[in-house]
PDB file of N, CA and C in Angstrom:
ATOM      1  N   MET A   1      11.288 -27.737 -19.240  1.00  0.00           N
ATOM      2  CA  MET A   1      12.503 -27.042 -18.872  1.00  0.00           C
ATOM      3  C   MET A   1      12.247 -25.861 -17.934  1.00  0.00           C
ATOM      4  N   PRO A   2      11.184 -25.064 -18.094  1.00  0.00           N
ATOM      5  CA  PRO A   2      10.956 -23.960 -17.174  1.00  0.00           C
ATOM      6  C   PRO A   2      10.817 -24.412 -15.725  1.00  0.00           C
ATOM      7  N   ALA A   3      10.183 -25.574 -15.483  1.00  0.00           N
ATOM      8  CA  ALA A   3      10.028 -26.049 -14.111  1.00  0.00           C
ATOM      9  C   ALA A   3      11.389 -26.293 -13.473  1.00  0.00           C
ATOM     10  N   ARG A   4      12.332 -26.743 -14.254  1.00  0.00           N
ATOM     11  CA  ARG A   4      13.675 -26.996 -13.741  1.00  0.00           C
ATOM     12  C   ARG A   4      14.326 -25.689 -13.298  1.00  0.00           C
ATOM     13  N   ASN A   5      14.180 -24.636 -14.093  1.00  0.00           N
ATOM     14  CA  ASN A   5      14.726 -23.335 -13.722  1.00  0.00           C
ATOM     15  C   ASN A   5      14.026 -22.769 -12.497  1.00  0.00           C
ATOM     16  N   GLU A   6      12.701 -22.971 -12.402  1.00  0.00           N
ATOM     17  CA  GLU A   6      11.974 -22.484 -11.238  1.00  0.00           C
ATOM     18  C   GLU A   6      12.524 -23.111  -9.972  1.00  0.00           C
ATOM     19  N   GLY A   7      12.806 -24.386 -10.000  1.00  0.00           N
ATOM     20  CA  GLY A   7      13.382 -25.062  -8.844  1.00  0.00           C
ATOM     21  C   GLY A   7      14.737 -24.491  -8.475  1.00  0.00           C
ATOM     22  N   ARG A   8      15.523 -24.174  -9.482  1.00  0.00           N
ATOM     23  CA  ARG A   8      16.846 -23.588  -9.239  1.00  0.00           C
ATOM     24  C   ARG A   8      16.700 -22.215  -8.591  1.00  0.00           C
ATOM     25  N   TYR A   9      15.768 -21.410  -9.107  1.00  0.00           N
ATOM     26  CA  TYR A   9      15.559 -20.077  -8.544  1.00  0.00           C
ATOM     27  C   TYR A   9      15.003 -20.164  -7.130  1.00  0.00           C
ATOM     28  N   ASP A  10      14.127 -21.128  -6.891  1.00  0.00           N
ATOM     29  CA  ASP A  10      13.604 -21.319  -5.542  1.00  0.00           C
ATOM     30  C   ASP A  10      14.739 -21.641  -4.580  1.00  0.00           C
ATOM     31  N   HIS A  11      15.675 -22.472  -5.024  1.00  0.00           N
ATOM     32  CA  HIS A  11      16.820 -22.838  -4.189  1.00  0.00           C
ATOM     33  C   HIS A  11      17.696 -21.614  -3.907  1.00  0.00           C
ATOM     34  N   LEU A  12      17.965 -20.810  -4.930  1.00  0.00           N
ATOM     35  CA  LEU A  12      18.776 -19.602  -4.737  1.00  0.00           C
ATOM     36  C   LEU A  12      18.074 -18.610  -3.816  1.00  0.00           C
ATOM     37  N   PHE A  13      16.767 -18.461  -4.008  1.00  0.00           N
ATOM     38  CA  PHE A  13      15.986 -17.568  -3.161  1.00  0.00           C
ATOM     39  C   PHE A  13      16.049 -18.025  -1.706  1.00  0.00           C
ATOM     40  N   ALA A  14      15.907 -19.317  -1.479  1.00  0.00           N
ATOM     41  CA  ALA A  14      15.959 -19.859  -0.119  1.00  0.00           C
ATOM     42  C   ALA A  14      17.332 -19.621   0.508  1.00  0.00           C
ATOM     43  N   GLN A  15      18.393 -19.786  -0.273  1.00  0.00           N
ATOM     44  CA  GLN A  15      19.743 -19.536   0.241  1.00  0.00           C
ATOM     45  C   GLN A  15      19.926 -18.074   0.628  1.00  0.00           C
ATOM     46  N   LEU A  16      19.496 -17.173  -0.244  1.00  0.00           N
ATOM     47  CA  LEU A  16      19.623 -15.745   0.057  1.00  0.00           C
ATOM     48  C   LEU A  16      18.792 -15.364   1.276  1.00  0.00           C
ATOM     49  N   ARG A  17      17.595 -15.897   1.367  1.00  0.00           N
ATOM     50  CA  ARG A  17      16.733 -15.606   2.514  1.00  0.00           C
ATOM     51  C   ARG A  17      17.386 -16.103   3.807  1.00  0.00           C
ATOM     52  N   ARG A  18      17.985 -17.289   3.768  1.00  0.00           N
ATOM     53  CA  ARG A  18      18.662 -17.838   4.947  1.00  0.00           C
ATOM     54  C   ARG A  18      19.847 -16.963   5.334  1.00  0.00           C
ATOM     55  N   ARG A  19      20.639 -16.549   4.343  1.00  0.00           N
ATOM     56  CA  ARG A  19      21.791 -15.684   4.618  1.00  0.00           C
ATOM     57  C   ARG A  19      21.361 -14.351   5.211  1.00  0.00           C
ATOM     58  N   MET A  20      20.285 -13.803   4.677  1.00  0.00           N
ATOM     59  CA  MET A  20      19.782 -12.533   5.208  1.00  0.00           C
ATOM     60  C   MET A  20      19.389 -12.686   6.677  1.00  0.00           C
ATOM     61  N   ALA A  21      18.736 -13.782   6.998  1.00  0.00           N
ATOM     62  CA  ALA A  21      18.316 -14.011   8.382  1.00  0.00           C
ATOM     63  C   ALA A  21      19.529 -14.228   9.283  1.00  0.00           C
ATOM     64  N   GLU A  22      20.468 -15.050   8.835  1.00  0.00           N
ATOM     65  CA  GLU A  22      21.643 -15.354   9.650  1.00  0.00           C
ATOM     66  C   GLU A  22      22.530 -14.137   9.877  1.00  0.00           C
ATOM     67  N   SER A  23      22.626 -13.274   8.886  1.00  0.00           N
ATOM     68  CA  SER A  23      23.504 -12.105   8.999  1.00  0.00           C
ATOM     69  C   SER A  23      22.861 -10.960   9.773  1.00  0.00           C
ATOM     70  N   GLY A  24      21.553 -11.053   9.998  1.00  0.00           N
ATOM     71  CA  GLY A  24      20.842  -9.967  10.663  1.00  0.00           C
ATOM     72  C   GLY A  24      20.333  -8.910   9.697  1.00  0.00           C
ATOM     73  N   GLU A  25      20.632  -9.066   8.413  1.00  0.00           N
ATOM     74  CA  GLU A  25      20.196  -8.085   7.422  1.00  0.00           C
ATOM     75  C   GLU A  25      18.671  -8.043   7.322  1.00  0.00           C
ATOM     76  N   TRP A  26      18.032  -9.195   7.421  1.00  0.00           N
ATOM     77  CA  TRP A  26      16.573  -9.228   7.355  1.00  0.00           C
ATOM     78  C   TRP A  26      15.971  -8.387   8.483  1.00  0.00           C
ATOM     79  N   ASP A  27      16.523  -8.525   9.687  1.00  0.00           N
ATOM     80  CA  ASP A  27      16.020  -7.745  10.820  1.00  0.00           C
ATOM     81  C   ASP A  27      16.245  -6.256  10.608  1.00  0.00           C
ATOM     82  N   ARG A  28      17.390  -5.875  10.048  1.00  0.00           N
ATOM     83  CA  ARG A  28      17.670  -4.457   9.776  1.00  0.00           C
ATOM     84  C   ARG A  28      16.688  -3.891   8.744  1.00  0.00           C
ATOM     85  N   ILE A  29      16.421  -4.662   7.712  1.00  0.00           N
ATOM     86  CA  ILE A  29      15.484  -4.204   6.682  1.00  0.00           C
ATOM     87  C   ILE A  29      14.075  -4.083   7.267  1.00  0.00           C
ATOM     88  N   CYS A  30      13.663  -5.055   8.052  1.00  0.00           N
ATOM     89  CA  CYS A  30      12.332  -5.001   8.672  1.00  0.00           C
ATOM     90  C   CYS A  30      12.210  -3.812   9.616  1.00  0.00           C
ATOM     91  N   ALA A  31      13.265  -3.531  10.387  1.00  0.00           N
ATOM     92  CA  ALA A  31      13.245  -2.382  11.295  1.00  0.00           C
ATOM     93  C   ALA A  31      13.127  -1.083  10.506  1.00  0.00           C
ATOM     94  N   GLN A  32      13.852  -0.990   9.408  1.00  0.00           N
ATOM     95  CA  GLN A  32      13.781   0.206   8.564  1.00  0.00           C
ATOM     96  C   GLN A  32      12.384   0.367   7.973  1.00  0.00           C
ATOM     97  N   LEU A  33      11.799  -0.729   7.524  1.00  0.00           N
ATOM     98  CA  LEU A  33      10.445  -0.686   6.973  1.00  0.00           C
ATOM     99  C   LEU A  33       9.450  -0.233   8.038  1.00  0.00           C
ATOM    100  N   ARG A  34       9.532  -0.818   9.238  1.00  0.00           N
ATOM    101  CA  ARG A  34       8.630  -0.413  10.322  1.00  0.00           C
ATOM    102  C   ARG A  34       8.759   1.074  10.617  1.00  0.00           C
ATOM    103  N   GLN A  35       9.994   1.560  10.691  1.00  0.00           N
ATOM    104  CA  GLN A  35      10.230   2.975  10.980  1.00  0.00           C
ATOM    105  C   GLN A  35       9.601   3.861   9.907  1.00  0.00           C
ATOM    106  N   GLN A  36       9.828   3.525   8.650  1.00  0.00           N
ATOM    107  CA  GLN A  36       9.292   4.348   7.567  1.00  0.00           C
ATOM    108  C   GLN A  36       7.768   4.290   7.507  1.00  0.00           C
ATOM    109  N   LEU A  37       7.192   3.130   7.781  1.00  0.00           N
ATOM    110  CA  LEU A  37       5.733   3.023   7.790  1.00  0.00           C
ATOM    111  C   LEU A  37       5.141   3.832   8.944  1.00  0.00           C
ATOM    112  N   ASN A  38       5.801   3.799  10.088  1.00  0.00           N
ATOM    113  CA  ASN A  38       5.334   4.597  11.227  1.00  0.00           C
ATOM    114  C   ASN A  38       5.435   6.081  10.929  1.00  0.00           C
ATOM    115  N   GLU A  39       6.569   6.512  10.393  1.00  0.00           N
ATOM    116  CA  GLU A  39       6.794   7.932  10.107  1.00  0.00           C
ATOM    117  C   GLU A  39       5.822   8.465   9.058  1.00  0.00           C
ATOM    118  N   SER A  40       5.423   7.619   8.133  1.00  0.00           N
ATOM    119  CA  SER A  40       4.523   8.064   7.063  1.00  0.00           C
ATOM    120  C   SER A  40       3.055   8.061   7.482  1.00  0.00           C
ATOM    121  N   GLY A  41       2.755   7.522   8.659  1.00  0.00           N
ATOM    122  CA  GLY A  41       1.373   7.448   9.117  1.00  0.00           C
ATOM    123  C   GLY A  41       0.633   6.217   8.629  1.00  0.00           C
ATOM    124  N   TRP A  42       1.317   5.378   7.880  1.00  0.00           N
ATOM    125  CA  TRP A  42       0.702   4.175   7.321  1.00  0.00           C
ATOM    126  C   TRP A  42       0.177   3.267   8.425  1.00  0.00           C
ATOM    127  N   ARG A  43       0.974   3.035   9.440  1.00  0.00           N
ATOM    128  CA  ARG A  43       0.593   2.125  10.527  1.00  0.00           C
ATOM    129  C   ARG A  43      -0.659   2.624  11.244  1.00  0.00           C
ATOM    130  N   ASP A  44      -0.668   3.901  11.614  1.00  0.00           N
ATOM    131  CA  ASP A  44      -1.826   4.466  12.310  1.00  0.00           C
ATOM    132  C   ASP A  44      -3.076   4.408  11.442  1.00  0.00           C
ATOM    133  N   ASP A  45      -2.914   4.672  10.157  1.00  0.00           N
ATOM    134  CA  ASP A  45      -4.045   4.632   9.234  1.00  0.00           C
ATOM    135  C   ASP A  45      -4.700   3.259   9.244  1.00  0.00           C
ATOM    136  N   PHE A  46      -3.901   2.210   9.118  1.00  0.00           N
ATOM    137  CA  PHE A  46      -4.492   0.875   9.050  1.00  0.00           C
ATOM    138  C   PHE A  46      -4.924   0.363  10.416  1.00  0.00           C
ATOM    139  N   LYS A  47      -4.289   0.822  11.458  1.00  0.00           N
ATOM    140  CA  LYS A  47      -4.768   0.484  12.798  1.00  0.00           C
ATOM    141  C   LYS A  47      -6.169   1.072  12.993  1.00  0.00           C
ATOM    142  N   ASN A  48      -6.353   2.315  12.578  1.00  0.00           N
ATOM    143  CA  ASN A  48      -7.665   2.955  12.695  1.00  0.00           C
ATOM    144  C   ASN A  48      -8.705   2.288  11.805  1.00  0.00           C
ATOM    145  N   ARG A  49      -8.316   1.905  10.599  1.00  0.00           N
ATOM    146  CA  ARG A  49      -9.259   1.210   9.711  1.00  0.00           C
ATOM    147  C   ARG A  49      -9.728  -0.101  10.335  1.00  0.00           C
ATOM    148  N   CYS A  50      -8.801  -0.821  10.945  1.00  0.00           N
ATOM    149  CA  CYS A  50      -9.166  -2.090  11.587  1.00  0.00           C
ATOM    150  C   CYS A  50     -10.085  -1.846  12.781  1.00  0.00           C
ATOM    151  N   LYS A  51      -9.791  -0.819  13.568  1.00  0.00           N
ATOM    152  CA  LYS A  51     -10.658  -0.494  14.704  1.00  0.00           C
ATOM    153  C   LYS A  51     -12.063  -0.144  14.225  1.00  0.00           C
ATOM    154  N   GLU A  52     -12.151   0.628  13.145  1.00  0.00           N
ATOM    155  CA  GLU A  52     -13.458   0.983  12.589  1.00  0.00           C
ATOM    156  C   GLU A  52     -14.217  -0.256  12.127  1.00  0.00           C
ATOM    157  N   GLU A  53     -13.515  -1.170  11.504  1.00  0.00           N
ATOM    158  CA  GLU A  53     -14.155  -2.407  11.041  1.00  0.00           C
ATOM    159  C   GLU A  53     -14.649  -3.225  12.231  1.00  0.00           C
ATOM    160  N   LEU A  54     -13.854  -3.290  13.288  1.00  0.00           N
ATOM    161  CA  LEU A  54     -14.267  -4.029  14.480  1.00  0.00           C
ATOM    162  C   LEU A  54     -15.489  -3.380  15.129  1.00  0.00           C
ATOM    163  N   ALA A  55     -15.528  -2.046  15.159  1.00  0.00           N
ATOM    164  CA  ALA A  55     -16.667  -1.336  15.744  1.00  0.00           C
ATOM    165  C   ALA A  55     -17.915  -1.485  14.867  1.00  0.00           C
ATOM    166  N   ARG A  56     -17.720  -1.542  13.563  1.00  0.00           N
ATOM    167  CA  ARG A  56     -18.838  -1.639  12.624  1.00  0.00           C
ATOM    168  C   ARG A  56     -19.535  -2.992  12.717  1.00  0.00           C
ATOM    169  N   THR A  57     -18.769  -4.031  12.908  1.00  0.00           N
ATOM    170  CA  THR A  57     -19.355  -5.368  13.012  1.00  0.00           C
ATOM    171  C   THR A  57     -19.537  -5.701  14.483  1.00  0.00           C
ATOM    172  N   ASN A  58     -20.712  -6.118  14.833  1.00  0.00           N
ATOM    173  CA  ASN A  58     -21.006  -6.434  16.231  1.00  0.00           C
ATOM    174  C   ASN A  58     -20.530  -7.826  16.618  1.00  0.00           C
ATOM    175  N   GLU A  59     -20.259  -8.642  15.638  1.00  0.00           N
ATOM    176  CA  GLU A  59     -19.806 -10.000  15.920  1.00  0.00           C
ATOM    177  C   GLU A  59     -18.284 -10.027  15.951  1.00  0.00           C
ATOM    178  N   GLY A  60     -17.733 -11.062  16.506  1.00  0.00           N
ATOM    179  CA  GLY A  60     -16.283 -11.198  16.564  1.00  0.00           C
ATOM    180  C   GLY A  60     -15.685 -11.308  15.168  1.00  0.00           C
ATOM    181  N   VAL A  61     -14.596 -10.613  14.968  1.00  0.00           N
ATOM    182  CA  VAL A  61     -13.893 -10.650  13.688  1.00  0.00           C
ATOM    183  C   VAL A  61     -12.524 -11.265  13.949  1.00  0.00           C
ATOM    184  N   SER A  62     -12.178 -12.236  13.157  1.00  0.00           N
ATOM    185  CA  SER A  62     -10.887 -12.895  13.356  1.00  0.00           C
ATOM    186  C   SER A  62      -9.761 -12.076  12.729  1.00  0.00           C
ATOM    187  N   PHE A  63      -8.583 -12.298  13.232  1.00  0.00           N
ATOM    188  CA  PHE A  63      -7.397 -11.656  12.680  1.00  0.00           C
ATOM    189  C   PHE A  63      -7.262 -11.997  11.200  1.00  0.00           C
ATOM    190  N   GLU A  64      -7.504 -13.257  10.864  1.00  0.00           N
ATOM    191  CA  GLU A  64      -7.378 -13.703   9.478  1.00  0.00           C
ATOM    192  C   GLU A  64      -8.335 -12.959   8.554  1.00  0.00           C
ATOM    193  N   SER A  65      -9.562 -12.735   9.018  1.00  0.00           N
ATOM    194  CA  SER A  65     -10.518 -12.037   8.159  1.00  0.00           C
ATOM    195  C   SER A  65     -10.122 -10.576   7.973  1.00  0.00           C
ATOM    196  N   LEU A  66      -9.570  -9.952   9.022  1.00  0.00           N
ATOM    197  CA  LEU A  66      -9.067  -8.582   8.873  1.00  0.00           C
ATOM    198  C   LEU A  66      -7.913  -8.543   7.875  1.00  0.00           C
ATOM    199  N   MET A  67      -7.016  -9.507   7.981  1.00  0.00           N
ATOM    200  CA  MET A  67      -5.882  -9.566   7.048  1.00  0.00           C
ATOM    201  C   MET A  67      -6.377  -9.754   5.619  1.00  0.00           C
ATOM    202  N   ASP A  68      -7.325 -10.650   5.431  1.00  0.00           N
ATOM    203  CA  ASP A  68      -7.866 -10.890   4.087  1.00  0.00           C
ATOM    204  C   ASP A  68      -8.479  -9.624   3.507  1.00  0.00           C
ATOM    205  N   GLU A  69      -9.180  -8.880   4.351  1.00  0.00           N
ATOM    206  CA  GLU A  69      -9.860  -7.682   3.870  1.00  0.00           C
ATOM    207  C   GLU A  69      -8.894  -6.533   3.599  1.00  0.00           C
ATOM    208  N   PHE A  70      -7.941  -6.322   4.496  1.00  0.00           N
ATOM    209  CA  PHE A  70      -7.121  -5.115   4.416  1.00  0.00           C
ATOM    210  C   PHE A  70      -5.766  -5.291   3.736  1.00  0.00           C
ATOM    211  N   ARG A  71      -5.305  -6.511   3.575  1.00  0.00           N
ATOM    212  CA  ARG A  71      -3.972  -6.709   2.992  1.00  0.00           C
ATOM    213  C   ARG A  71      -3.799  -6.040   1.627  1.00  0.00           C
ATOM    214  N   PRO A  72      -4.703  -6.240   0.670  1.00  0.00           N
ATOM    215  CA  PRO A  72      -4.496  -5.587  -0.638  1.00  0.00           C
ATOM    216  C   PRO A  72      -4.429  -4.063  -0.531  1.00  0.00           C
ATOM    217  N   GLN A  73      -5.298  -3.492   0.308  1.00  0.00           N
ATOM    218  CA  GLN A  73      -5.292  -2.038   0.491  1.00  0.00           C
ATOM    219  C   GLN A  73      -4.007  -1.586   1.175  1.00  0.00           C
ATOM    220  N   ALA A  74      -3.584  -2.342   2.172  1.00  0.00           N
ATOM    221  CA  ALA A  74      -2.387  -1.979   2.926  1.00  0.00           C
ATOM    222  C   ALA A  74      -1.150  -2.019   2.033  1.00  0.00           C
ATOM    223  N   GLU A  75      -1.038  -3.060   1.228  1.00  0.00           N
ATOM    224  CA  GLU A  75       0.114  -3.169   0.333  1.00  0.00           C
ATOM    225  C   GLU A  75       0.116  -2.042  -0.693  1.00  0.00           C
ATOM    226  N   ALA A  76      -1.055  -1.711  -1.206  1.00  0.00           N
ATOM    227  CA  ALA A  76      -1.149  -0.649  -2.214  1.00  0.00           C
ATOM    228  C   ALA A  76      -0.876   0.730  -1.620  1.00  0.00           C
ATOM    229  N   ALA A  77      -1.090   0.880  -0.317  1.00  0.00           N
ATOM    230  CA  ALA A  77      -0.939   2.190   0.321  1.00  0.00           C
ATOM    231  C   ALA A  77       0.499   2.518   0.722  1.00  0.00           C
ATOM    232  N   VAL A  78       1.411   1.560   0.622  1.00  0.00           N
ATOM    233  CA  VAL A  78       2.815   1.846   0.936  1.00  0.00           C
ATOM    234  C   VAL A  78       3.341   2.786  -0.140  1.00  0.00           C
ATOM    235  N   SER A  79       3.955   3.873   0.293  1.00  0.00           N
ATOM    236  CA  SER A  79       4.393   4.887  -0.672  1.00  0.00           C
ATOM    237  C   SER A  79       5.476   4.343  -1.600  1.00  0.00           C
ATOM    238  N   PRO A  80       5.510   4.835  -2.822  1.00  0.00           N
ATOM    239  CA  PRO A  80       6.558   4.414  -3.758  1.00  0.00           C
ATOM    240  C   PRO A  80       7.967   4.671  -3.213  1.00  0.00           C
ATOM    241  N   ALA A  81       8.146   5.751  -2.470  1.00  0.00           N
ATOM    242  CA  ALA A  81       9.470   6.055  -1.916  1.00  0.00           C
ATOM    243  C   ALA A  81       9.903   4.993  -0.911  1.00  0.00           C
ATOM    244  N   VAL A  82       8.983   4.553  -0.064  1.00  0.00           N
ATOM    245  CA  VAL A  82       9.303   3.509   0.915  1.00  0.00           C
ATOM    246  C   VAL A  82       9.609   2.203   0.189  1.00  0.00           C
ATOM    247  N   LYS A  83       8.782   1.847  -0.780  1.00  0.00           N
ATOM    248  CA  LYS A  83       9.019   0.613  -1.539  1.00  0.00           C
ATOM    249  C   LYS A  83      10.394   0.640  -2.199  1.00  0.00           C
ATOM    250  N   GLU A  84      10.722   1.757  -2.823  1.00  0.00           N
ATOM    251  CA  GLU A  84      11.998   1.859  -3.534  1.00  0.00           C
ATOM    252  C   GLU A  84      13.175   1.775  -2.569  1.00  0.00           C
ATOM    253  N   HIS A  85      13.057   2.413  -1.413  1.00  0.00           N
ATOM    254  CA  HIS A  85      14.152   2.371  -0.437  1.00  0.00           C
ATOM    255  C   HIS A  85      14.390   0.945   0.059  1.00  0.00           C
ATOM    256  N   ILE A  86      13.321   0.239   0.382  1.00  0.00           N
ATOM    257  CA  ILE A  86      13.460  -1.134   0.867  1.00  0.00           C
ATOM    258  C   ILE A  86      13.997  -2.039  -0.244  1.00  0.00           C
ATOM    259  N   LYS A  87      13.501  -1.861  -1.462  1.00  0.00           N
ATOM    260  CA  LYS A  87      14.025  -2.657  -2.583  1.00  0.00           C
ATOM    261  C   LYS A  87      15.506  -2.390  -2.796  1.00  0.00           C
ATOM    262  N   SER A  88      15.932  -1.142  -2.631  1.00  0.00           N
ATOM    263  CA  SER A  88      17.353  -0.837  -2.827  1.00  0.00           C
ATOM    264  C   SER A  88      18.202  -1.483  -1.737  1.00  0.00           C
ATOM    265  N   MET A  89      17.684  -1.548  -0.509  1.00  0.00           N
ATOM    266  CA  MET A  89      18.415  -2.235   0.562  1.00  0.00           C
ATOM    267  C   MET A  89      18.576  -3.717   0.230  1.00  0.00           C
ATOM    268  N   ILE A  90      17.503  -4.334  -0.243  1.00  0.00           N
ATOM    269  CA  ILE A  90      17.557  -5.753  -0.604  1.00  0.00           C
ATOM    270  C   ILE A  90      18.495  -5.958  -1.784  1.00  0.00           C
ATOM    271  N   ARG A  91      18.396  -5.079  -2.785  1.00  0.00           N
ATOM    272  CA  ARG A  91      19.246  -5.183  -3.973  1.00  0.00           C
ATOM    273  C   ARG A  91      20.730  -5.102  -3.594  1.00  0.00           C
ATOM    274  N   ARG A  92      21.078  -4.137  -2.734  1.00  0.00           N
ATOM    275  CA  ARG A  92      22.483  -3.999  -2.313  1.00  0.00           C
ATOM    276  C   ARG A  92      22.968  -5.260  -1.608  1.00  0.00           C
ATOM    277  N   TYR A  93      22.123  -5.826  -0.754  1.00  0.00           N
ATOM    278  CA  TYR A  93      22.521  -7.040  -0.061  1.00  0.00           C
ATOM    279  C   TYR A  93      22.724  -8.186  -1.046  1.00  0.00           C
ATOM    280  N   VAL A  94      21.775  -8.366  -1.949  1.00  0.00           N
ATOM    281  CA  VAL A  94      21.880  -9.456  -2.928  1.00  0.00           C
ATOM    282  C   VAL A  94      23.134  -9.284  -3.770  1.00  0.00           C
ATOM    283  N   GLU A  95      23.389  -8.068  -4.228  1.00  0.00           N
ATOM    284  CA  GLU A  95      24.589  -7.821  -5.033  1.00  0.00           C
ATOM    285  C   GLU A  95      25.859  -8.131  -4.248  1.00  0.00           C
ATOM    286  N   SER A  96      25.852  -7.876  -2.949  1.00  0.00           N
ATOM    287  CA  SER A  96      27.041  -8.163  -2.140  1.00  0.00           C
ATOM    288  C   SER A  96      27.247  -9.661  -1.942  1.00  0.00           C
ATOM    289  N   GLN A  97      26.190 -10.452  -2.136  1.00  0.00           N
ATOM    290  CA  GLN A  97      26.259 -11.892  -1.916  1.00  0.00           C
ATOM    291  C   GLN A  97      26.483 -12.704  -3.183  1.00  0.00           C
ATOM    292  N   VAL A  98      26.225 -12.102  -4.327  1.00  0.00           N
ATOM    293  CA  VAL A  98      26.348 -12.815  -5.594  1.00  0.00           C
ATOM    294  C   VAL A  98      27.804 -12.802  -6.032  1.00  0.00           C
ATOM    295  N   GLU A  99      28.281 -13.966  -6.356  1.00  0.00           N
ATOM    296  CA  GLU A  99      29.667 -14.083  -6.808  1.00  0.00           C
ATOM    297  C   GLU A  99      29.810 -13.518  -8.213  1.00  0.00           C
ATOM    298  N   SER A 100      30.902 -12.826  -8.428  1.00  0.00           N
ATOM    299  CA  SER A 100      31.168 -12.259  -9.763  1.00  0.00           C
ATOM    300  C   SER A 100      31.714 -13.305 -10.693  1.00  0.00           C
TER     301      SER A 100
END
């Protein structure tokens, strides 16, 4: 029975994701996230970390290997305030789309 519910939730998630993209809400949320990450210095910090890693290794480093190495650190470094603001934007959108 749980697998059946998972499929239902996957379907609802896909519908909401499609609506967000079609309405432009996804782009607005992404723009807000980019702005907040830039303002907090997060972007510059990880850009510099990647440059340091590239300088440290003399061999070519692929984008994928940089992502594998830095993704957990990058996700953990997003401030709680930024996370909460973006989650609240998503929550408001979802609530506006869910039928009462």
